[in-house]
PDB file of N, CA and C in Angstrom:
ATOM      1  N   UNK A   1      -5.177   9.106   8.485  1.00  0.00           N
ATOM      2  CA  UNK A   1      -4.312   8.167   7.773  1.00  0.00           C
ATOM      3  C   UNK A   1      -5.110   6.893   7.481  1.00  0.00           C
ATOM      4  N   UNK A   2      -4.911   6.325   6.346  1.00  0.00           N
ATOM      5  CA  UNK A   2      -5.627   5.129   5.915  1.00  0.00           C
ATOM      6  C   UNK A   2      -4.719   3.924   6.064  1.00  0.00           C
ATOM      7  N   UNK A   3      -4.890   3.185   7.147  1.00  0.00           N
ATOM      8  CA  UNK A   3      -4.045   2.021   7.394  1.00  0.00           C
ATOM      9  C   UNK A   3      -4.894   0.813   7.780  1.00  0.00           C
ATOM     10  N   UNK A   4      -4.302  -0.365   7.559  1.00  0.00           N
ATOM     11  CA  UNK A   4      -4.891  -1.602   8.038  1.00  0.00           C
ATOM     12  C   UNK A   4      -3.751  -2.539   8.427  1.00  0.00           C
ATOM     13  N   UNK A   5      -3.970  -3.323   9.469  1.00  0.00           N
ATOM     14  CA  UNK A   5      -2.998  -4.327   9.887  1.00  0.00           C
ATOM     15  C   UNK A   5      -3.352  -5.651   9.231  1.00  0.00           C
ATOM     16  N   UNK A   6      -2.301  -6.376   8.805  1.00  0.00           N
ATOM     17  CA  UNK A   6      -2.530  -7.658   8.145  1.00  0.00           C
ATOM     18  C   UNK A   6      -1.331  -8.562   8.368  1.00  0.00           C
ATOM     19  N   UNK A   7      -1.538  -9.660   9.095  1.00  0.00           N
ATOM     20  CA  UNK A   7      -0.532 -10.700   9.316  1.00  0.00           C
ATOM     21  C   UNK A   7       0.813 -10.140   9.789  1.00  0.00           C
ATOM     22  N   UNK A   8       0.768  -9.224  10.741  1.00  0.00           N
ATOM     23  CA  UNK A   8       1.995  -8.684  11.321  1.00  0.00           C
ATOM     24  C   UNK A   8       2.593  -7.513  10.561  1.00  0.00           C
ATOM     25  N   UNK A   9       1.939  -7.078   9.510  1.00  0.00           N
ATOM     26  CA  UNK A   9       2.377  -5.925   8.720  1.00  0.00           C
ATOM     27  C   UNK A   9       1.302  -4.843   8.797  1.00  0.00           C
ATOM     28  N   UNK A  10       1.700  -3.632   8.493  1.00  0.00           N
ATOM     29  CA  UNK A  10       0.746  -2.531   8.390  1.00  0.00           C
ATOM     30  C   UNK A  10       0.777  -2.020   6.954  1.00  0.00           C
ATOM     31  N   UNK A  11      -0.377  -1.901   6.349  1.00  0.00           N
ATOM     32  CA  UNK A  11      -0.488  -1.363   4.990  1.00  0.00           C
ATOM     33  C   UNK A  11      -1.026   0.057   5.119  1.00  0.00           C
ATOM     34  N   UNK A  12      -0.287   1.001   4.577  1.00  0.00           N
ATOM     35  CA  UNK A  12      -0.683   2.407   4.615  1.00  0.00           C
ATOM     36  C   UNK A  12      -1.017   2.864   3.190  1.00  0.00           C
ATOM     37  N   UNK A  13      -2.271   3.195   2.963  1.00  0.00           N
ATOM     38  CA  UNK A  13      -2.711   3.652   1.642  1.00  0.00           C
ATOM     39  C   UNK A  13      -2.398   5.137   1.482  1.00  0.00           C
ATOM     40  N   UNK A  14      -1.712   5.472   0.383  1.00  0.00           N
ATOM     41  CA  UNK A  14      -1.347   6.855   0.067  1.00  0.00           C
ATOM     42  C   UNK A  14      -1.682   7.164  -1.387  1.00  0.00           C
ATOM     43  N   UNK A  15      -2.948   7.047  -1.792  1.00  0.00           N
ATOM     44  CA  UNK A  15      -3.269   7.280  -3.199  1.00  0.00           C
ATOM     45  C   UNK A  15      -2.948   8.721  -3.606  1.00  0.00           C
ATOM     46  N   UNK A  16      -2.525   8.870  -4.842  1.00  0.00           N
ATOM     47  CA  UNK A  16      -2.146  10.179  -5.374  1.00  0.00           C
ATOM     48  C   UNK A  16      -3.221  10.702  -6.315  1.00  0.00           C
ATOM     49  N   UNK A  17      -3.681  11.932  -6.072  1.00  0.00           N
ATOM     50  CA  UNK A  17      -4.637  12.585  -6.971  1.00  0.00           C
ATOM     51  C   UNK A  17      -3.909  12.956  -8.248  1.00  0.00           C
ATOM     52  N   UNK A  18      -4.450  12.553  -9.376  1.00  0.00           N
ATOM     53  CA  UNK A  18      -3.831  12.855 -10.662  1.00  0.00           C
ATOM     54  C   UNK A  18      -4.080  14.316 -11.035  1.00  0.00           C
ATOM     55  N   UNK A  19      -3.074  14.960 -11.547  1.00  0.00           N
ATOM     56  CA  UNK A  19      -3.196  16.375 -11.912  1.00  0.00           C
ATOM     57  C   UNK A  19      -3.678  16.555 -13.348  1.00  0.00           C
ATOM     58  N   UNK A  20      -3.236  15.692 -14.239  1.00  0.00           N
ATOM     59  CA  UNK A  20      -3.525  15.854 -15.661  1.00  0.00           C
ATOM     60  C   UNK A  20      -4.901  15.334 -16.074  1.00  0.00           C
ATOM     61  N   UNK A  21      -5.453  14.445 -15.264  1.00  0.00           N
ATOM     62  CA  UNK A  21      -6.753  13.871 -15.588  1.00  0.00           C
ATOM     63  C   UNK A  21      -7.450  13.468 -14.302  1.00  0.00           C
ATOM     64  N   UNK A  22      -8.692  13.086 -14.416  1.00  0.00           N
ATOM     65  CA  UNK A  22      -9.446  12.685 -13.233  1.00  0.00           C
ATOM     66  C   UNK A  22      -9.003  11.310 -12.774  1.00  0.00           C
ATOM     67  N   UNK A  23      -8.977  11.133 -11.464  1.00  0.00           N
ATOM     68  CA  UNK A  23      -8.668   9.831 -10.917  1.00  0.00           C
ATOM     69  C   UNK A  23      -7.594   9.878  -9.847  1.00  0.00           C
ATOM     70  N   UNK A  24      -7.338   8.706  -9.310  1.00  0.00           N
ATOM     71  CA  UNK A  24      -6.377   8.530  -8.232  1.00  0.00           C
ATOM     72  C   UNK A  24      -5.454   7.367  -8.569  1.00  0.00           C
ATOM     73  N   UNK A  25      -4.155   7.572  -8.399  1.00  0.00           N
ATOM     74  CA  UNK A  25      -3.167   6.520  -8.633  1.00  0.00           C
ATOM     75  C   UNK A  25      -2.973   5.719  -7.355  1.00  0.00           C
ATOM     76  N   UNK A  26      -2.906   4.418  -7.495  1.00  0.00           N
ATOM     77  CA  UNK A  26      -2.684   3.526  -6.357  1.00  0.00           C
ATOM     78  C   UNK A  26      -1.231   3.668  -5.900  1.00  0.00           C
ATOM     79  N   UNK A  27      -1.053   3.946  -4.621  1.00  0.00           N
ATOM     80  CA  UNK A  27       0.271   4.096  -4.027  1.00  0.00           C
ATOM     81  C   UNK A  27       0.143   3.700  -2.557  1.00  0.00           C
ATOM     82  N   UNK A  28       0.993   2.785  -2.097  1.00  0.00           N
ATOM     83  CA  UNK A  28       0.885   2.373  -0.698  1.00  0.00           C
ATOM     84  C   UNK A  28       2.251   1.970  -0.160  1.00  0.00           C
ATOM     85  N   UNK A  29       2.322   1.881   1.168  1.00  0.00           N
ATOM     86  CA  UNK A  29       3.538   1.483   1.861  1.00  0.00           C
ATOM     87  C   UNK A  29       3.206   0.303   2.758  1.00  0.00           C
ATOM     88  N   UNK A  30       4.092  -0.685   2.775  1.00  0.00           N
ATOM     89  CA  UNK A  30       3.965  -1.789   3.723  1.00  0.00           C
ATOM     90  C   UNK A  30       5.021  -1.581   4.801  1.00  0.00           C
ATOM     91  N   UNK A  31       4.579  -1.592   6.041  1.00  0.00           N
ATOM     92  CA  UNK A  31       5.435  -1.403   7.213  1.00  0.00           C
ATOM     93  C   UNK A  31       5.566  -2.719   7.978  1.00  0.00           C
ATOM     94  N   UNK A  32       6.736  -2.917   8.569  1.00  0.00           N
ATOM     95  CA  UNK A  32       6.948  -3.995   9.536  1.00  0.00           C
ATOM     96  C   UNK A  32       7.513  -3.333  10.780  1.00  0.00           C
ATOM     97  N   UNK A  33       6.782  -3.391  11.868  1.00  0.00           N
ATOM     98  CA  UNK A  33       7.212  -2.774  13.115  1.00  0.00           C
ATOM     99  C   UNK A  33       7.913  -3.821  13.976  1.00  0.00           C
ATOM    100  N   UNK A  34       9.110  -3.482  14.400  1.00  0.00           N
ATOM    101  CA  UNK A  34       9.894  -4.336  15.286  1.00  0.00           C
ATOM    102  C   UNK A  34       9.884  -3.706  16.672  1.00  0.00           C
ATOM    103  N   UNK A  35      10.397  -4.384  17.663  1.00  0.00           N
ATOM    104  CA  UNK A  35      10.336  -3.868  19.031  1.00  0.00           C
ATOM    105  C   UNK A  35      11.016  -2.510  19.186  1.00  0.00           C
ATOM    106  N   UNK A  36      12.101  -2.267  18.467  1.00  0.00           N
ATOM    107  CA  UNK A  36      12.816  -0.999  18.641  1.00  0.00           C
ATOM    108  C   UNK A  36      12.923  -0.176  17.357  1.00  0.00           C
ATOM    109  N   UNK A  37      12.324  -0.647  16.274  1.00  0.00           N
ATOM    110  CA  UNK A  37      12.422   0.093  15.008  1.00  0.00           C
ATOM    111  C   UNK A  37      11.286  -0.328  14.069  1.00  0.00           C
ATOM    112  N   UNK A  38      11.221   0.363  12.958  1.00  0.00           N
ATOM    113  CA  UNK A  38      10.251   0.032  11.914  1.00  0.00           C
ATOM    114  C   UNK A  38      10.950   0.093  10.564  1.00  0.00           C
ATOM    115  N   UNK A  39      10.490  -0.729   9.636  1.00  0.00           N
ATOM    116  CA  UNK A  39      11.016  -0.714   8.272  1.00  0.00           C
ATOM    117  C   UNK A  39       9.826  -0.636   7.337  1.00  0.00           C
ATOM    118  N   UNK A  40      10.038  -0.047   6.162  1.00  0.00           N
ATOM    119  CA  UNK A  40       8.935   0.069   5.224  1.00  0.00           C
ATOM    120  C   UNK A  40       9.435  -0.002   3.794  1.00  0.00           C
ATOM    121  N   UNK A  41       8.493  -0.278   2.906  1.00  0.00           N
ATOM    122  CA  UNK A  41       8.760  -0.282   1.471  1.00  0.00           C
ATOM    123  C   UNK A  41       7.557   0.303   0.762  1.00  0.00           C
ATOM    124  N   UNK A  42       7.812   1.244  -0.143  1.00  0.00           N
ATOM    125  CA  UNK A  42       6.748   1.882  -0.895  1.00  0.00           C
ATOM    126  C   UNK A  42       6.452   1.099  -2.173  1.00  0.00           C
ATOM    127  N   UNK A  43       5.176   1.068  -2.543  1.00  0.00           N
ATOM    128  CA  UNK A  43       4.726   0.364  -3.736  1.00  0.00           C
ATOM    129  C   UNK A  43       3.860   1.282  -4.593  1.00  0.00           C
ATOM    130  N   UNK A  44       4.474   2.074  -5.463  1.00  0.00           N
ATOM    131  CA  UNK A  44       3.670   2.855  -6.412  1.00  0.00           C
ATOM    132  C   UNK A  44       3.195   1.935  -7.536  1.00  0.00           C
ATOM    133  N   UNK A  45       1.987   2.113  -7.974  1.00  0.00           N
ATOM    134  CA  UNK A  45       1.422   1.273  -9.026  1.00  0.00           C
ATOM    135  C   UNK A  45       0.892   2.142 -10.158  1.00  0.00           C
ATOM    136  N   UNK A  46       0.837   1.575 -11.317  1.00  0.00           N
ATOM    137  CA  UNK A  46       0.328   2.291 -12.484  1.00  0.00           C
ATOM    138  C   UNK A  46      -1.199   2.252 -12.550  1.00  0.00           C
ATOM    139  N   UNK A  47      -1.817   1.557 -11.619  1.00  0.00           N
ATOM    140  CA  UNK A  47      -3.270   1.431 -11.650  1.00  0.00           C
ATOM    141  C   UNK A  47      -3.941   2.746 -11.259  1.00  0.00           C
ATOM    142  N   UNK A  48      -5.016   3.067 -11.947  1.00  0.00           N
ATOM    143  CA  UNK A  48      -5.766   4.294 -11.709  1.00  0.00           C
ATOM    144  C   UNK A  48      -7.195   3.926 -11.304  1.00  0.00           C
ATOM    145  N   UNK A  49      -7.698   4.598 -10.287  1.00  0.00           N
ATOM    146  CA  UNK A  49      -9.075   4.409  -9.837  1.00  0.00           C
ATOM    147  C   UNK A  49      -9.833   5.722  -9.994  1.00  0.00           C
ATOM    148  N   UNK A  50     -11.141   5.639 -10.126  1.00  0.00           N
ATOM    149  CA  UNK A  50     -11.950   6.846 -10.327  1.00  0.00           C
ATOM    150  C   UNK A  50     -12.052   7.698  -9.069  1.00  0.00           C
ATOM    151  N   UNK A  51     -12.121   7.042  -7.893  1.00  0.00           N
ATOM    152  CA  UNK A  51     -12.290   7.794  -6.651  1.00  0.00           C
ATOM    153  C   UNK A  51     -11.171   7.451  -5.667  1.00  0.00           C
ATOM    154  N   UNK A  52     -11.002   8.332  -4.692  1.00  0.00           N
ATOM    155  CA  UNK A  52     -10.009   8.081  -3.648  1.00  0.00           C
ATOM    156  C   UNK A  52     -10.379   6.831  -2.857  1.00  0.00           C
ATOM    157  N   UNK A  53     -11.655   6.656  -2.570  1.00  0.00           N
ATOM    158  CA  UNK A  53     -12.111   5.486  -1.815  1.00  0.00           C
ATOM    159  C   UNK A  53     -11.768   4.186  -2.549  1.00  0.00           C
ATOM    160  N   UNK A  54     -11.992   4.157  -3.853  1.00  0.00           N
ATOM    161  CA  UNK A  54     -11.637   2.970  -4.651  1.00  0.00           C
ATOM    162  C   UNK A  54     -10.137   2.730  -4.623  1.00  0.00           C
ATOM    163  N   UNK A  55      -9.349   3.798  -4.700  1.00  0.00           N
ATOM    164  CA  UNK A  55      -7.891   3.663  -4.687  1.00  0.00           C
ATOM    165  C   UNK A  55      -7.404   3.117  -3.345  1.00  0.00           C
ATOM    166  N   UNK A  56      -7.988   3.582  -2.255  1.00  0.00           N
ATOM    167  CA  UNK A  56      -7.604   3.079  -0.926  1.00  0.00           C
ATOM    168  C   UNK A  56      -7.917   1.589  -0.828  1.00  0.00           C
ATOM    169  N   UNK A  57      -9.097   1.204  -1.278  1.00  0.00           N
ATOM    170  CA  UNK A  57      -9.485  -0.211  -1.262  1.00  0.00           C
ATOM    171  C   UNK A  57      -8.514  -1.049  -2.088  1.00  0.00           C
ATOM    172  N   UNK A  58      -8.119  -0.548  -3.256  1.00  0.00           N
ATOM    173  CA  UNK A  58      -7.187  -1.264  -4.126  1.00  0.00           C
ATOM    174  C   UNK A  58      -5.812  -1.360  -3.475  1.00  0.00           C
ATOM    175  N   UNK A  59      -5.384  -0.319  -2.762  1.00  0.00           N
ATOM    176  CA  UNK A  59      -4.110  -0.355  -2.038  1.00  0.00           C
ATOM    177  C   UNK A  59      -4.095  -1.524  -1.049  1.00  0.00           C
ATOM    178  N   UNK A  60      -5.167  -1.652  -0.275  1.00  0.00           N
ATOM    179  CA  UNK A  60      -5.250  -2.724   0.707  1.00  0.00           C
ATOM    180  C   UNK A  60      -5.307  -4.091   0.025  1.00  0.00           C
ATOM    181  N   UNK A  61      -6.053  -4.189  -1.045  1.00  0.00           N
ATOM    182  CA  UNK A  61      -6.172  -5.456  -1.783  1.00  0.00           C
ATOM    183  C   UNK A  61      -4.808  -5.910  -2.311  1.00  0.00           C
ATOM    184  N   UNK A  62      -4.092  -5.023  -2.963  1.00  0.00           N
ATOM    185  CA  UNK A  62      -2.779  -5.381  -3.525  1.00  0.00           C
ATOM    186  C   UNK A  62      -1.769  -5.625  -2.416  1.00  0.00           C
ATOM    187  N   UNK A  63      -1.804  -4.792  -1.374  1.00  0.00           N
ATOM    188  CA  UNK A  63      -0.886  -4.974  -0.244  1.00  0.00           C
ATOM    189  C   UNK A  63      -1.045  -6.337   0.404  1.00  0.00           C
ATOM    190  N   UNK A  64      -2.274  -6.748   0.629  1.00  0.00           N
ATOM    191  CA  UNK A  64      -2.533  -8.074   1.209  1.00  0.00           C
ATOM    192  C   UNK A  64      -2.053  -9.169   0.276  1.00  0.00           C
ATOM    193  N   UNK A  65      -2.253  -8.997  -1.021  1.00  0.00           N
ATOM    194  CA  UNK A  65      -1.789  -9.997  -1.981  1.00  0.00           C
ATOM    195  C   UNK A  65      -0.268 -10.122  -1.921  1.00  0.00           C
ATOM    196  N   UNK A  66       0.433  -9.003  -1.846  1.00  0.00           N
ATOM    197  CA  UNK A  66       1.901  -9.042  -1.765  1.00  0.00           C
ATOM    198  C   UNK A  66       2.341  -9.770  -0.503  1.00  0.00           C
ATOM    199  N   UNK A  67       1.715  -9.469   0.632  1.00  0.00           N
ATOM    200  CA  UNK A  67       2.070 -10.140   1.889  1.00  0.00           C
ATOM    201  C   UNK A  67       1.834 -11.641   1.782  1.00  0.00           C
ATOM    202  N   UNK A  68       0.751 -12.049   1.152  1.00  0.00           N
ATOM    203  CA  UNK A  68       0.407 -13.467   1.012  1.00  0.00           C
ATOM    204  C   UNK A  68       1.260 -14.204  -0.020  1.00  0.00           C
ATOM    205  N   UNK A  69       1.606 -13.543  -1.132  1.00  0.00           N
ATOM    206  CA  UNK A  69       2.119 -14.262  -2.290  1.00  0.00           C
ATOM    207  C   UNK A  69       3.491 -13.851  -2.805  1.00  0.00           C
ATOM    208  N   UNK A  70       4.014 -12.744  -2.347  1.00  0.00           N
ATOM    209  CA  UNK A  70       5.250 -12.237  -2.942  1.00  0.00           C
ATOM    210  C   UNK A  70       6.249 -11.867  -1.847  1.00  0.00           C
ATOM    211  N   UNK A  71       6.660 -12.873  -1.083  1.00  0.00           N
ATOM    212  CA  UNK A  71       7.521 -12.642   0.074  1.00  0.00           C
ATOM    213  C   UNK A  71       8.809 -11.918  -0.296  1.00  0.00           C
ATOM    214  N   UNK A  72       9.332 -12.153  -1.500  1.00  0.00           N
ATOM    215  CA  UNK A  72      10.578 -11.482  -1.913  1.00  0.00           C
ATOM    216  C   UNK A  72      10.430  -9.960  -1.866  1.00  0.00           C
ATOM    217  N   UNK A  73       9.246  -9.440  -2.141  1.00  0.00           N
ATOM    218  CA  UNK A  73       9.014  -7.993  -2.125  1.00  0.00           C
ATOM    219  C   UNK A  73       9.175  -7.401  -0.726  1.00  0.00           C
ATOM    220  N   UNK A  74       8.903  -8.197   0.315  1.00  0.00           N
ATOM    221  CA  UNK A  74       8.925  -7.666   1.679  1.00  0.00           C
ATOM    222  C   UNK A  74       9.936  -8.379   2.581  1.00  0.00           C
ATOM    223  N   UNK A  75      10.761  -9.229   2.014  1.00  0.00           N
ATOM    224  CA  UNK A  75      11.695 -10.029   2.806  1.00  0.00           C
ATOM    225  C   UNK A  75      12.644  -9.189   3.640  1.00  0.00           C
ATOM    226  N   UNK A  76      13.069  -8.025   3.136  1.00  0.00           N
ATOM    227  CA  UNK A  76      14.026  -7.209   3.857  1.00  0.00           C
ATOM    228  C   UNK A  76      13.420  -6.394   4.994  1.00  0.00           C
ATOM    229  N   UNK A  77      12.101  -6.403   5.098  1.00  0.00           N
ATOM    230  CA  UNK A  77      11.454  -5.635   6.167  1.00  0.00           C
ATOM    231  C   UNK A  77      11.645  -6.323   7.472  1.00  0.00           C
TER     232      UNK A  77
END
């Protein structure tokens, strides 16, 4: 599993291999773990990367940006 912890959240990269053409679609989940439960929100993106490694890196980059700058996206977690 491709995960990274960032400022109390966990970002899980789940890039999707494209079937119709070469490349990987950026897709990730942000998790917030509480003492007795966990909550998550999925973030599919229209961005396409050439390799799985690039897509995973982009997942983490965008996930960190959302945690830093777009609190409304993760407020319910």
